[in-house]
Amino acid sequence: MHGVYLVWLVQERGFAPALVATILAAGDLCMFALEVPTGWLADRLGHRISLMTGSGLQVLGMLAFWQADTPAGLLTASLLVAIADACRSGADEALLYRTCAALGREADFQSIHARIDAIGCVSLVALLVAGGAIVGVAGYAAAWGIEVALSVAGLVLACLMIEPPPGAPVTGADEREEGAASASRGLAAAGAARTCAVVWLIVPAAVLDGVASAAAFLAQTSHDASVPGVTGLVAAITLSEAAGAWLAARAWRSDGRHLGLLAFGAAALAVPLLMSAGAAAAAVALAFVLGLILPLRAAALQRAASDGVRARIASLASACDMACTTLGLLAAGAWGTRRRSR
């Protein structure tokens, strides 16, 4: 249903667009509020359990969306999906990193994470195209059935995962480097230096995410925007992000020191384009940089974290991304309204 569920809610179910937007926004707010608490629970109860819980709630959420015919039903579905996303957010990165460490492949975490991001972006484009085709040929019921089946497949995969033992040692070609880094982290475990390092990894990329969202919004709401043009732009942005993630899978092993400069630099260079007529170009370019930075940031954050806080740190990064994205959209909406009134 990716790309067509809004049409289904408005045209088939008859919900008012304003109501749909409000309920979806409530879901986003719920996920933002639960990001860090669910990360804490994942660190305490187990990352695999958190993934299984989120995947199970995702199945229920998709079924609730399919059957929703009242505002209360739609709100329930939106909240279920939000809680499901919050449960999985952070836990997936933490489980992947710990698995790589347990297998002696810690150095491969960055490339594996980046490949997963790239595949996810390409899959979104495929789903965007396939959703409309399935609805056109077999109807909305078939599309929802496939959506639920995919969610069930995700639950099965989560159940098949294995929780690595706590404190699994890191081995491999970079063992000496990782050992030195671990010693350094241990010295700064409770100090301001570690906090500053984590903030430096999280905030610049979050700001870049907000600017990228603003650019995409301005491009999609321009005076000459059309349905085919917006669809093509969304596909181009997503594929550009996939290209950035593909490069990250083959890029250097970053310790995170330069990621903040790269993120802030890209955001600063994009601002003049946003003020002119180059929002579409800025959106595509920023998506590429974002696709490159996010896997590098994830790897640097996991290397800076201990097993007891891995999901929490990843969830905190996701929450900051959501906050900056919201602020970016609000700023873009205000700027777009002001520009149209001139």
C-alpha atoms as a PDB file:
ATOM      1  CA  MET A   1       0.000   0.000   0.000  1.00  0.00           C
ATOM      2  CA  HIS A   2       3.034   2.269  -0.067  1.00  0.00           C
ATOM      3  CA  GLY A   3       2.120   5.384  -2.041  1.00  0.00           C
ATOM      4  CA  VAL A   4      -1.622   4.644  -2.349  1.00  0.00           C
ATOM      5  CA  TYR A   5      -2.890   4.254   1.220  1.00  0.00           C
ATOM      6  CA  LEU A   6      -3.734   7.961   1.473  1.00  0.00           C
ATOM      7  CA  VAL A   7      -5.884   7.696  -1.643  1.00  0.00           C
ATOM      8  CA  TRP A   8      -7.568   4.643  -0.148  1.00  0.00           C
ATOM      9  CA  LEU A   9      -8.307   6.390   3.141  1.00  0.00           C
ATOM     10  CA  VAL A  10      -9.766   9.485   1.490  1.00  0.00           C
ATOM     11  CA  GLN A  11     -11.521   8.065  -1.569  1.00  0.00           C
ATOM     12  CA  GLU A  12     -12.502   4.544  -0.489  1.00  0.00           C
ATOM     13  CA  ARG A  13     -13.077   5.023   3.243  1.00  0.00           C
ATOM     14  CA  GLY A  14     -14.319   8.596   2.942  1.00  0.00           C
ATOM     15  CA  PHE A  15     -12.174  10.154   5.649  1.00  0.00           C
ATOM     16  CA  ALA A  16     -11.621  13.890   5.406  1.00  0.00           C
ATOM     17  CA  PRO A  17      -8.048  14.784   4.382  1.00  0.00           C
ATOM     18  CA  ALA A  18      -7.667  17.024   7.445  1.00  0.00           C
ATOM     19  CA  LEU A  19      -8.719  14.163   9.727  1.00  0.00           C
ATOM     20  CA  VAL A  20      -6.293  11.770   8.076  1.00  0.00           C
ATOM     21  CA  ALA A  21      -3.451  14.258   8.370  1.00  0.00           C
ATOM     22  CA  THR A  22      -4.224  14.883  12.049  1.00  0.00           C
ATOM     23  CA  ILE A  23      -4.364  11.191  12.918  1.00  0.00           C
ATOM     24  CA  LEU A  24      -1.148  10.412  11.043  1.00  0.00           C
ATOM     25  CA  ALA A  25       0.509  13.333  12.816  1.00  0.00           C
ATOM     26  CA  ALA A  26      -0.668  11.866  16.121  1.00  0.00           C
ATOM     27  CA  GLY A  27       1.052   8.632  15.161  1.00  0.00           C
ATOM     28  CA  ASP A  28       4.272  10.482  14.395  1.00  0.00           C
ATOM     29  CA  LEU A  29       4.085  12.287  17.734  1.00  0.00           C
ATOM     30  CA  CYS A  30       3.499   8.985  19.516  1.00  0.00           C
ATOM     31  CA  MET A  31       6.533   7.421  17.869  1.00  0.00           C
ATOM     32  CA  PHE A  32       8.679  10.433  18.731  1.00  0.00           C
ATOM     33  CA  ALA A  33       7.618  10.245  22.388  1.00  0.00           C
ATOM     34  CA  LEU A  34       8.308   6.491  22.580  1.00  0.00           C
ATOM     35  CA  GLU A  35      11.648   6.401  20.732  1.00  0.00           C
ATOM     36  CA  VAL A  36      13.930   6.595  23.772  1.00  0.00           C
ATOM     37  CA  PRO A  37      11.672   4.656  26.224  1.00  0.00           C
ATOM     38  CA  THR A  38      11.376   1.724  23.815  1.00  0.00           C
ATOM     39  CA  GLY A  39      15.128   1.876  23.240  1.00  0.00           C
ATOM     40  CA  TRP A  40      15.637   1.596  26.999  1.00  0.00           C
ATOM     41  CA  LEU A  41      13.282  -1.395  27.125  1.00  0.00           C
ATOM     42  CA  ALA A  42      15.123  -3.045  24.236  1.00  0.00           C
ATOM     43  CA  ASP A  43      18.429  -2.678  26.077  1.00  0.00           C
ATOM     44  CA  ARG A  44      16.882  -4.134  29.231  1.00  0.00           C
ATOM     45  CA  LEU A  45      14.701  -6.916  27.823  1.00  0.00           C
ATOM     46  CA  GLY A  46      16.597  -7.849  24.671  1.00  0.00           C
ATOM     47  CA  HIS A  47      16.859  -6.435  21.176  1.00  0.00           C
ATOM     48  CA  ARG A  48      15.377  -9.549  19.546  1.00  0.00           C
ATOM     49  CA  ILE A  49      12.344  -9.401  21.840  1.00  0.00           C
ATOM     50  CA  SER A  50      11.855  -5.750  20.926  1.00  0.00           C
ATOM     51  CA  LEU A  51      11.998  -6.589  17.217  1.00  0.00           C
ATOM     52  CA  MET A  52       9.513  -9.425  17.665  1.00  0.00           C
ATOM     53  CA  THR A  53       7.164  -7.166  19.631  1.00  0.00           C
ATOM     54  CA  GLY A  54       7.376  -4.412  17.034  1.00  0.00           C
ATOM     55  CA  SER A  55       6.821  -6.837  14.164  1.00  0.00           C
ATOM     56  CA  GLY A  56       3.800  -8.365  15.899  1.00  0.00           C
ATOM     57  CA  LEU A  57       2.296  -4.918  16.496  1.00  0.00           C
ATOM     58  CA  GLN A  58       2.993  -4.079  12.850  1.00  0.00           C
ATOM     59  CA  VAL A  59       0.811  -6.996  11.751  1.00  0.00           C
ATOM     60  CA  LEU A  60      -1.985  -5.825  14.063  1.00  0.00           C
ATOM     61  CA  GLY A  61      -1.562  -2.258  12.838  1.00  0.00           C
ATOM     62  CA  MET A  62      -1.848  -3.254   9.185  1.00  0.00           C
ATOM     63  CA  LEU A  63      -4.966  -5.310   9.903  1.00  0.00           C
ATOM     64  CA  ALA A  64      -6.417  -2.357  11.831  1.00  0.00           C
ATOM     65  CA  PHE A  65      -5.705   0.011   8.937  1.00  0.00           C
ATOM     66  CA  TRP A  66      -7.341  -2.412   6.517  1.00  0.00           C
ATOM     67  CA  GLN A  67     -10.512  -2.640   8.607  1.00  0.00           C
ATOM     68  CA  ALA A  68     -10.623   0.963   9.877  1.00  0.00           C
ATOM     69  CA  ASP A  69     -13.926   2.608   9.001  1.00  0.00           C
ATOM     70  CA  THR A  70     -14.239   5.098  11.878  1.00  0.00           C
ATOM     71  CA  PRO A  71     -11.909   7.839  13.156  1.00  0.00           C
ATOM     72  CA  ALA A  72     -11.352   5.810  16.341  1.00  0.00           C
ATOM     73  CA  GLY A  73     -10.355   2.759  14.299  1.00  0.00           C
ATOM     74  CA  LEU A  74      -7.990   4.818  12.159  1.00  0.00           C
ATOM     75  CA  LEU A  75      -6.403   6.367  15.260  1.00  0.00           C
ATOM     76  CA  THR A  76      -5.935   2.915  16.792  1.00  0.00           C
ATOM     77  CA  ALA A  77      -4.233   1.694  13.627  1.00  0.00           C
ATOM     78  CA  SER A  78      -1.967   4.732  13.452  1.00  0.00           C
ATOM     79  CA  LEU A  79      -0.906   4.342  17.094  1.00  0.00           C
ATOM     80  CA  LEU A  80      -0.261   0.616  16.699  1.00  0.00           C
ATOM     81  CA  VAL A  81       2.039   1.242  13.740  1.00  0.00           C
ATOM     82  CA  ALA A  82       3.774   4.060  15.631  1.00  0.00           C
ATOM     83  CA  ILE A  83       4.442   1.836  18.655  1.00  0.00           C
ATOM     84  CA  ALA A  84       5.637  -0.932  16.333  1.00  0.00           C
ATOM     85  CA  ASP A  85       8.082   1.397  14.607  1.00  0.00           C
ATOM     86  CA  ALA A  86       9.320   2.708  17.959  1.00  0.00           C
ATOM     87  CA  CYS A  87       9.935  -0.826  19.245  1.00  0.00           C
ATOM     88  CA  ARG A  88      12.033  -1.706  16.205  1.00  0.00           C
ATOM     89  CA  SER A  89      13.862   1.617  16.009  1.00  0.00           C
ATOM     90  CA  GLY A  90      17.271   1.311  17.619  1.00  0.00           C
ATOM     91  CA  ALA A  91      16.859  -2.379  18.428  1.00  0.00           C
ATOM     92  CA  ASP A  92      17.619  -3.360  14.841  1.00  0.00           C
ATOM     93  CA  GLU A  93      20.911  -1.459  14.762  1.00  0.00           C
ATOM     94  CA  ALA A  94      21.915  -2.742  18.186  1.00  0.00           C
ATOM     95  CA  LEU A  95      21.154  -6.374  17.328  1.00  0.00           C
ATOM     96  CA  LEU A  96      23.002  -6.127  14.014  1.00  0.00           C
ATOM     97  CA  TYR A  97      26.082  -4.599  15.650  1.00  0.00           C
ATOM     98  CA  ARG A  98      26.177  -7.155  18.464  1.00  0.00           C
ATOM     99  CA  THR A  99      25.757  -9.974  15.967  1.00  0.00           C
ATOM    100  CA  CYS A 100      28.641  -8.681  13.874  1.00  0.00           C
ATOM    101  CA  ALA A 101      30.775  -8.383  17.025  1.00  0.00           C
ATOM    102  CA  ALA A 102      29.883 -11.895  18.174  1.00  0.00           C
ATOM    103  CA  LEU A 103      30.855 -13.290  14.753  1.00  0.00           C
ATOM    104  CA  GLY A 104      34.146 -11.394  14.720  1.00  0.00           C
ATOM    105  CA  ARG A 105      32.909  -9.131  11.924  1.00  0.00           C
ATOM    106  CA  GLU A 106      32.495  -5.838  13.754  1.00  0.00           C
ATOM    107  CA  ALA A 107      34.339  -4.037  10.979  1.00  0.00           C
ATOM    108  CA  ASP A 108      31.649  -5.176   8.524  1.00  0.00           C
ATOM    109  CA  PHE A 109      28.787  -3.522  10.420  1.00  0.00           C
ATOM    110  CA  GLN A 110      29.027  -0.280   8.461  1.00  0.00           C
ATOM    111  CA  SER A 111      28.925  -1.924   5.040  1.00  0.00           C
ATOM    112  CA  ILE A 112      26.131  -4.326   6.022  1.00  0.00           C
ATOM    113  CA  HIS A 113      24.049  -1.506   7.515  1.00  0.00           C
ATOM    114  CA  ALA A 114      24.617   0.628   4.412  1.00  0.00           C
ATOM    115  CA  ARG A 115      23.624  -2.207   2.061  1.00  0.00           C
ATOM    116  CA  ILE A 116      20.439  -2.736   4.065  1.00  0.00           C
ATOM    117  CA  ASP A 117      19.632   0.984   3.740  1.00  0.00           C
ATOM    118  CA  ALA A 118      20.273   0.900  -0.001  1.00  0.00           C
ATOM    119  CA  ILE A 119      18.082  -2.164  -0.487  1.00  0.00           C
ATOM    120  CA  GLY A 120      15.363  -0.548   1.625  1.00  0.00           C
ATOM    121  CA  CYS A 121      15.360   2.601  -0.515  1.00  0.00           C
ATOM    122  CA  VAL A 122      15.191   0.645  -3.768  1.00  0.00           C
ATOM    123  CA  SER A 123      12.411  -1.501  -2.304  1.00  0.00           C
ATOM    124  CA  LEU A 124      10.410   1.626  -1.460  1.00  0.00           C
ATOM    125  CA  VAL A 125      10.574   2.724  -5.080  1.00  0.00           C
ATOM    126  CA  ALA A 126       9.503  -0.753  -6.185  1.00  0.00           C
ATOM    127  CA  LEU A 127       6.602  -0.709  -3.723  1.00  0.00           C
ATOM    128  CA  LEU A 128       5.620   2.766  -4.894  1.00  0.00           C
ATOM    129  CA  VAL A 129       5.266   1.445  -8.438  1.00  0.00           C
ATOM    130  CA  ALA A 130       3.860  -1.961  -7.478  1.00  0.00           C
ATOM    131  CA  GLY A 131       1.216  -0.549  -5.137  1.00  0.00           C
ATOM    132  CA  GLY A 132      -0.565   1.359  -7.866  1.00  0.00           C
ATOM    133  CA  ALA A 133      -0.278  -1.545 -10.296  1.00  0.00           C
ATOM    134  CA  ILE A 134      -1.715  -4.056  -7.826  1.00  0.00           C
ATOM    135  CA  VAL A 135      -4.626  -1.776  -6.957  1.00  0.00           C
ATOM    136  CA  GLY A 136      -5.317  -1.158 -10.640  1.00  0.00           C
ATOM    137  CA  VAL A 137      -5.346  -4.868 -11.497  1.00  0.00           C
ATOM    138  CA  ALA A 138      -6.689  -6.620  -8.405  1.00  0.00           C
ATOM    139  CA  GLY A 139      -8.134  -3.886  -6.177  1.00  0.00           C
ATOM    140  CA  TYR A 140      -7.346  -2.544  -2.723  1.00  0.00           C
ATOM    141  CA  ALA A 141      -8.185  -5.813  -0.947  1.00  0.00           C
ATOM    142  CA  ALA A 142      -5.373  -7.610  -2.754  1.00  0.00           C
ATOM    143  CA  ALA A 143      -2.942  -4.803  -1.946  1.00  0.00           C
ATOM    144  CA  TRP A 144      -3.851  -4.888   1.739  1.00  0.00           C
ATOM    145  CA  GLY A 145      -3.573  -8.675   1.779  1.00  0.00           C
ATOM    146  CA  ILE A 146      -0.043  -8.471   0.404  1.00  0.00           C
ATOM    147  CA  GLU A 147       0.801  -5.717   2.901  1.00  0.00           C
ATOM    148  CA  VAL A 148      -0.315  -7.895   5.815  1.00  0.00           C
ATOM    149  CA  ALA A 149       1.546 -10.909   4.378  1.00  0.00           C
ATOM    150  CA  LEU A 150       4.762  -8.877   4.191  1.00  0.00           C
ATOM    151  CA  SER A 151       4.281  -7.807   7.816  1.00  0.00           C
ATOM    152  CA  VAL A 152       3.815 -11.438   8.845  1.00  0.00           C
ATOM    153  CA  ALA A 153       7.000 -12.325   6.970  1.00  0.00           C
ATOM    154  CA  GLY A 154       8.807  -9.636   8.975  1.00  0.00           C
ATOM    155  CA  LEU A 155       7.495 -11.173  12.211  1.00  0.00           C
ATOM    156  CA  VAL A 156       8.714 -14.622  11.156  1.00  0.00           C
ATOM    157  CA  LEU A 157      12.170 -13.242  10.367  1.00  0.00           C
ATOM    158  CA  ALA A 158      12.307 -11.507  13.754  1.00  0.00           C
ATOM    159  CA  CYS A 159      11.420 -14.776  15.501  1.00  0.00           C
ATOM    160  CA  LEU A 160      14.199 -16.581  13.622  1.00  0.00           C
ATOM    161  CA  MET A 161      16.849 -14.125  14.803  1.00  0.00           C
ATOM    162  CA  ILE A 162      19.265 -15.028  17.605  1.00  0.00           C
ATOM    163  CA  GLU A 163      20.178 -12.770  20.513  1.00  0.00           C
ATOM    164  CA  PRO A 164      23.988 -12.636  20.786  1.00  0.00           C
ATOM    165  CA  PRO A 165      25.514 -13.159  24.223  1.00  0.00           C
ATOM    166  CA  PRO A 166      26.018  -9.946  26.207  1.00  0.00           C
ATOM    167  CA  GLY A 167      29.414  -8.357  25.994  1.00  0.00           C
ATOM    168  CA  ALA A 168      30.479 -10.361  22.955  1.00  0.00           C
ATOM    169  CA  PRO A 169      34.122  -9.575  22.254  1.00  0.00           C
ATOM    170  CA  VAL A 170      35.117  -7.759  19.107  1.00  0.00           C
ATOM    171  CA  THR A 171      37.626  -9.628  16.983  1.00  0.00           C
ATOM    172  CA  GLY A 172      39.027  -9.409  13.507  1.00  0.00           C
ATOM    173  CA  ALA A 173      41.476  -7.374  11.509  1.00  0.00           C
ATOM    174  CA  ASP A 174      40.736  -4.175  13.417  1.00  0.00           C
ATOM    175  CA  GLU A 175      40.929  -5.743  16.899  1.00  0.00           C
ATOM    176  CA  ARG A 176      43.845  -3.613  18.043  1.00  0.00           C
ATOM    177  CA  GLU A 177      42.193  -0.412  16.836  1.00  0.00           C
ATOM    178  CA  GLU A 178      38.892  -1.377  18.442  1.00  0.00           C
ATOM    179  CA  GLY A 179      40.649  -2.274  21.692  1.00  0.00           C
ATOM    180  CA  ALA A 180      42.248   1.154  21.862  1.00  0.00           C
ATOM    181  CA  ALA A 181      38.928   2.784  21.088  1.00  0.00           C
ATOM    182  CA  SER A 182      37.232   0.720  23.811  1.00  0.00           C
ATOM    183  CA  ALA A 183      39.848   1.792  26.326  1.00  0.00           C
ATOM    184  CA  SER A 184      39.308   5.409  25.359  1.00  0.00           C
ATOM    185  CA  ARG A 185      35.546   4.996  25.672  1.00  0.00           C
ATOM    186  CA  GLY A 186      35.970   3.430  29.070  1.00  0.00           C
ATOM    187  CA  LEU A 187      37.940   6.429  30.329  1.00  0.00           C
ATOM    188  CA  ALA A 188      35.262   8.821  29.085  1.00  0.00           C
ATOM    189  CA  ALA A 189      32.242   6.646  29.924  1.00  0.00           C
ATOM    190  CA  ALA A 190      30.713   9.104  32.376  1.00  0.00           C
ATOM    191  CA  GLY A 191      32.391  12.279  31.221  1.00  0.00           C
ATOM    192  CA  ALA A 192      31.455  15.253  29.147  1.00  0.00           C
ATOM    193  CA  ALA A 193      33.794  14.193  26.345  1.00  0.00           C
ATOM    194  CA  ARG A 194      31.710  11.170  25.507  1.00  0.00           C
ATOM    195  CA  THR A 195      28.485  13.161  25.652  1.00  0.00           C
ATOM    196  CA  CYS A 196      29.915  15.772  23.295  1.00  0.00           C
ATOM    197  CA  ALA A 197      31.092  13.048  20.910  1.00  0.00           C
ATOM    198  CA  VAL A 198      27.627  11.482  20.789  1.00  0.00           C
ATOM    199  CA  VAL A 199      25.965  14.872  20.312  1.00  0.00           C
ATOM    200  CA  TRP A 200      28.413  15.687  17.510  1.00  0.00           C
ATOM    201  CA  LEU A 201      27.452  12.452  15.777  1.00  0.00           C
ATOM    202  CA  ILE A 202      23.689  12.903  16.189  1.00  0.00           C
ATOM    203  CA  VAL A 203      22.856  16.594  15.788  1.00  0.00           C
ATOM    204  CA  PRO A 204      24.527  17.551  12.458  1.00  0.00           C
ATOM    205  CA  ALA A 205      23.004  14.593  10.613  1.00  0.00           C
ATOM    206  CA  ALA A 206      19.614  15.401  12.163  1.00  0.00           C
ATOM    207  CA  VAL A 207      19.901  19.008  10.960  1.00  0.00           C
ATOM    208  CA  LEU A 208      20.789  17.739   7.489  1.00  0.00           C
ATOM    209  CA  ASP A 209      17.732  15.475   7.596  1.00  0.00           C
ATOM    210  CA  GLY A 210      15.562  18.479   8.442  1.00  0.00           C
ATOM    211  CA  VAL A 211      16.972  20.545   5.572  1.00  0.00           C
ATOM    212  CA  ALA A 212      16.506  17.599   3.189  1.00  0.00           C
ATOM    213  CA  SER A 213      12.865  17.251   4.244  1.00  0.00           C
ATOM    214  CA  ALA A 214      12.307  20.969   3.721  1.00  0.00           C
ATOM    215  CA  ALA A 215      13.842  20.762   0.252  1.00  0.00           C
ATOM    216  CA  ALA A 216      11.662  17.801  -0.710  1.00  0.00           C
ATOM    217  CA  PHE A 217       8.538  19.569   0.577  1.00  0.00           C
ATOM    218  CA  LEU A 218       9.279  22.774  -1.326  1.00  0.00           C
ATOM    219  CA  ALA A 219       9.998  20.832  -4.518  1.00  0.00           C
ATOM    220  CA  GLN A 220       6.772  18.820  -4.260  1.00  0.00           C
ATOM    221  CA  THR A 221       4.616  21.891  -3.535  1.00  0.00           C
ATOM    222  CA  SER A 222       6.046  24.254  -6.152  1.00  0.00           C
ATOM    223  CA  HIS A 223       3.783  26.118  -8.573  1.00  0.00           C
ATOM    224  CA  ASP A 224       4.570  23.825 -11.511  1.00  0.00           C
ATOM    225  CA  ALA A 225       4.298  20.531  -9.569  1.00  0.00           C
ATOM    226  CA  SER A 226       2.258  17.769 -11.241  1.00  0.00           C
ATOM    227  CA  VAL A 227       1.357  14.242 -10.162  1.00  0.00           C
ATOM    228  CA  PRO A 228       3.752  12.526 -12.622  1.00  0.00           C
ATOM    229  CA  GLY A 229       6.452  15.054 -11.809  1.00  0.00           C
ATOM    230  CA  VAL A 230       6.084  14.609  -8.033  1.00  0.00           C
ATOM    231  CA  THR A 231       6.088  10.816  -8.398  1.00  0.00           C
ATOM    232  CA  GLY A 232       9.259  10.996 -10.459  1.00  0.00           C
ATOM    233  CA  LEU A 233      10.834  13.376  -7.958  1.00  0.00           C
ATOM    234  CA  VAL A 234      10.045  11.102  -5.001  1.00  0.00           C
ATOM    235  CA  ALA A 235      11.533   8.172  -6.902  1.00  0.00           C
ATOM    236  CA  ALA A 236      14.649  10.205  -7.762  1.00  0.00           C
ATOM    237  CA  ILE A 237      15.106  11.312  -4.138  1.00  0.00           C
ATOM    238  CA  THR A 238      14.755   7.766  -2.855  1.00  0.00           C
ATOM    239  CA  LEU A 239      17.126   6.317  -5.449  1.00  0.00           C
ATOM    240  CA  SER A 240      19.625   9.092  -4.713  1.00  0.00           C
ATOM    241  CA  GLU A 241      19.552   8.110  -1.036  1.00  0.00           C
ATOM    242  CA  ALA A 242      20.078   4.494  -2.079  1.00  0.00           C
ATOM    243  CA  ALA A 243      23.119   5.557  -4.119  1.00  0.00           C
ATOM    244  CA  GLY A 244      24.543   7.332  -1.081  1.00  0.00           C
ATOM    245  CA  ALA A 245      24.025   4.236   1.067  1.00  0.00           C
ATOM    246  CA  TRP A 246      25.639   2.093  -1.639  1.00  0.00           C
ATOM    247  CA  LEU A 247      28.704   4.341  -1.493  1.00  0.00           C
ATOM    248  CA  ALA A 248      28.734   4.140   2.314  1.00  0.00           C
ATOM    249  CA  ALA A 249      28.958   0.360   2.038  1.00  0.00           C
ATOM    250  CA  ARG A 250      32.237   0.829   0.198  1.00  0.00           C
ATOM    251  CA  ALA A 251      33.493   3.932   1.985  1.00  0.00           C
ATOM    252  CA  TRP A 252      36.100   4.350   4.663  1.00  0.00           C
ATOM    253  CA  ARG A 253      35.626   3.184   8.192  1.00  0.00           C
ATOM    254  CA  SER A 254      34.730   6.485   9.843  1.00  0.00           C
ATOM    255  CA  ASP A 255      35.308   7.268  13.511  1.00  0.00           C
ATOM    256  CA  GLY A 256      32.691  10.006  13.251  1.00  0.00           C
ATOM    257  CA  ARG A 257      34.977  13.002  13.663  1.00  0.00           C
ATOM    258  CA  HIS A 258      34.309  14.370  10.191  1.00  0.00           C
ATOM    259  CA  LEU A 259      30.634  13.430   9.828  1.00  0.00           C
ATOM    260  CA  GLY A 260      29.418  16.579  11.583  1.00  0.00           C
ATOM    261  CA  LEU A 261      31.434  18.816   9.293  1.00  0.00           C
ATOM    262  CA  LEU A 262      30.137  16.963   6.239  1.00  0.00           C
ATOM    263  CA  ALA A 263      26.517  17.207   7.405  1.00  0.00           C
ATOM    264  CA  PHE A 264      26.680  20.865   8.395  1.00  0.00           C
ATOM    265  CA  GLY A 265      28.531  21.716   5.189  1.00  0.00           C
ATOM    266  CA  ALA A 266      25.936  20.010   2.986  1.00  0.00           C
ATOM    267  CA  ALA A 267      23.089  21.703   4.847  1.00  0.00           C
ATOM    268  CA  ALA A 268      24.732  25.128   4.542  1.00  0.00           C
ATOM    269  CA  LEU A 269      25.377  24.711   0.818  1.00  0.00           C
ATOM    270  CA  ALA A 270      21.755  23.676   0.236  1.00  0.00           C
ATOM    271  CA  VAL A 271      20.205  26.764   1.815  1.00  0.00           C
ATOM    272  CA  PRO A 272      20.923  29.094  -1.155  1.00  0.00           C
ATOM    273  CA  LEU A 273      19.346  26.546  -3.501  1.00  0.00           C
ATOM    274  CA  LEU A 274      16.235  26.409  -1.335  1.00  0.00           C
ATOM    275  CA  MET A 275      15.918  30.175  -1.451  1.00  0.00           C
ATOM    276  CA  SER A 276      15.976  30.080  -5.239  1.00  0.00           C
ATOM    277  CA  ALA A 277      14.267  27.723  -7.642  1.00  0.00           C
ATOM    278  CA  GLY A 278      16.629  24.813  -6.973  1.00  0.00           C
ATOM    279  CA  ALA A 279      14.653  22.932  -4.341  1.00  0.00           C
ATOM    280  CA  ALA A 280      14.360  19.790  -6.468  1.00  0.00           C
ATOM    281  CA  ALA A 281      18.095  19.647  -7.175  1.00  0.00           C
ATOM    282  CA  ALA A 282      18.837  20.302  -3.511  1.00  0.00           C
ATOM    283  CA  ALA A 283      16.445  17.539  -2.420  1.00  0.00           C
ATOM    284  CA  VAL A 284      18.085  14.956  -4.678  1.00  0.00           C
ATOM    285  CA  ALA A 285      21.624  16.015  -3.699  1.00  0.00           C
ATOM    286  CA  LEU A 286      20.838  16.092   0.024  1.00  0.00           C
ATOM    287  CA  ALA A 287      19.231  12.653  -0.184  1.00  0.00           C
ATOM    288  CA  PHE A 288      22.516  11.306  -1.560  1.00  0.00           C
ATOM    289  CA  VAL A 289      24.553  12.886   1.253  1.00  0.00           C
ATOM    290  CA  LEU A 290      22.037  11.698   3.826  1.00  0.00           C
ATOM    291  CA  GLY A 291      22.183   8.163   2.463  1.00  0.00           C
ATOM    292  CA  LEU A 292      25.965   8.298   2.806  1.00  0.00           C
ATOM    293  CA  ILE A 293      26.067   9.796   6.303  1.00  0.00           C
ATOM    294  CA  LEU A 294      23.417   7.771   8.139  1.00  0.00           C
ATOM    295  CA  PRO A 295      25.192   4.364   7.931  1.00  0.00           C
ATOM    296  CA  LEU A 296      28.488   6.013   8.881  1.00  0.00           C
ATOM    297  CA  ARG A 297      26.796   7.669  11.854  1.00  0.00           C
ATOM    298  CA  ALA A 298      25.163   4.402  12.920  1.00  0.00           C
ATOM    299  CA  ALA A 299      28.524   2.628  12.899  1.00  0.00           C
ATOM    300  CA  ALA A 300      30.243   5.413  14.845  1.00  0.00           C
ATOM    301  CA  LEU A 301      27.446   5.522  17.444  1.00  0.00           C
ATOM    302  CA  GLN A 302      27.496   1.762  17.977  1.00  0.00           C
ATOM    303  CA  ARG A 303      31.259   1.799  18.421  1.00  0.00           C
ATOM    304  CA  ALA A 304      30.890   4.568  21.000  1.00  0.00           C
ATOM    305  CA  ALA A 305      28.204   2.689  22.954  1.00  0.00           C
ATOM    306  CA  SER A 306      28.227  -0.213  25.365  1.00  0.00           C
ATOM    307  CA  ASP A 307      25.793  -3.122  25.173  1.00  0.00           C
ATOM    308  CA  GLY A 308      23.548  -1.579  27.821  1.00  0.00           C
ATOM    309  CA  VAL A 309      22.756   1.572  25.839  1.00  0.00           C
ATOM    310  CA  ARG A 310      23.056   0.609  22.165  1.00  0.00           C
ATOM    311  CA  ALA A 311      19.356   0.734  21.331  1.00  0.00           C
ATOM    312  CA  ARG A 312      18.854   3.882  23.395  1.00  0.00           C
ATOM    313  CA  ILE A 313      21.561   5.797  21.544  1.00  0.00           C
ATOM    314  CA  ALA A 314      20.218   4.691  18.151  1.00  0.00           C
ATOM    315  CA  SER A 315      16.684   5.611  19.247  1.00  0.00           C
ATOM    316  CA  LEU A 316      17.886   9.001  20.470  1.00  0.00           C
ATOM    317  CA  ALA A 317      19.416   9.655  17.058  1.00  0.00           C
ATOM    318  CA  SER A 318      16.147   8.676  15.387  1.00  0.00           C
ATOM    319  CA  ALA A 319      14.171  10.966  17.720  1.00  0.00           C
ATOM    320  CA  CYS A 320      16.461  13.895  16.897  1.00  0.00           C
ATOM    321  CA  ASP A 321      16.029  13.149  13.193  1.00  0.00           C
ATOM    322  CA  MET A 322      12.243  13.227  13.594  1.00  0.00           C
ATOM    323  CA  ALA A 323      12.358  16.493  15.538  1.00  0.00           C
ATOM    324  CA  CYS A 324      14.518  18.209  12.927  1.00  0.00           C
ATOM    325  CA  THR A 325      12.374  16.821  10.110  1.00  0.00           C
ATOM    326  CA  THR A 326       9.262  18.273  11.737  1.00  0.00           C
ATOM    327  CA  LEU A 327      10.935  21.657  12.202  1.00  0.00           C
ATOM    328  CA  GLY A 328      12.167  21.548   8.607  1.00  0.00           C
ATOM    329  CA  LEU A 329       8.679  20.858   7.286  1.00  0.00           C
ATOM    330  CA  LEU A 330       7.190  23.657   9.382  1.00  0.00           C
ATOM    331  CA  ALA A 331       9.854  26.088   8.162  1.00  0.00           C
ATOM    332  CA  ALA A 332       9.352  24.977   4.560  1.00  0.00           C
ATOM    333  CA  GLY A 333       5.583  25.403   4.880  1.00  0.00           C
ATOM    334  CA  ALA A 334       5.993  28.930   6.237  1.00  0.00           C
ATOM    335  CA  TRP A 335       8.542  29.824   3.553  1.00  0.00           C
ATOM    336  CA  GLY A 336       6.380  28.353   0.792  1.00  0.00           C
ATOM    337  CA  THR A 337       3.324  30.264   1.962  1.00  0.00           C
ATOM    338  CA  ARG A 338       5.311  33.478   2.144  1.00  0.00           C
ATOM    339  CA  ARG A 339       6.745  32.943  -1.333  1.00  0.00           C
ATOM    340  CA  ARG A 340       3.319  32.265  -2.842  1.00  0.00           C
ATOM    341  CA  SER A 341       1.882  35.421  -1.291  1.00  0.00           C
ATOM    342  CA  ARG A 342       4.425  37.644  -2.981  1.00  0.00           C
END
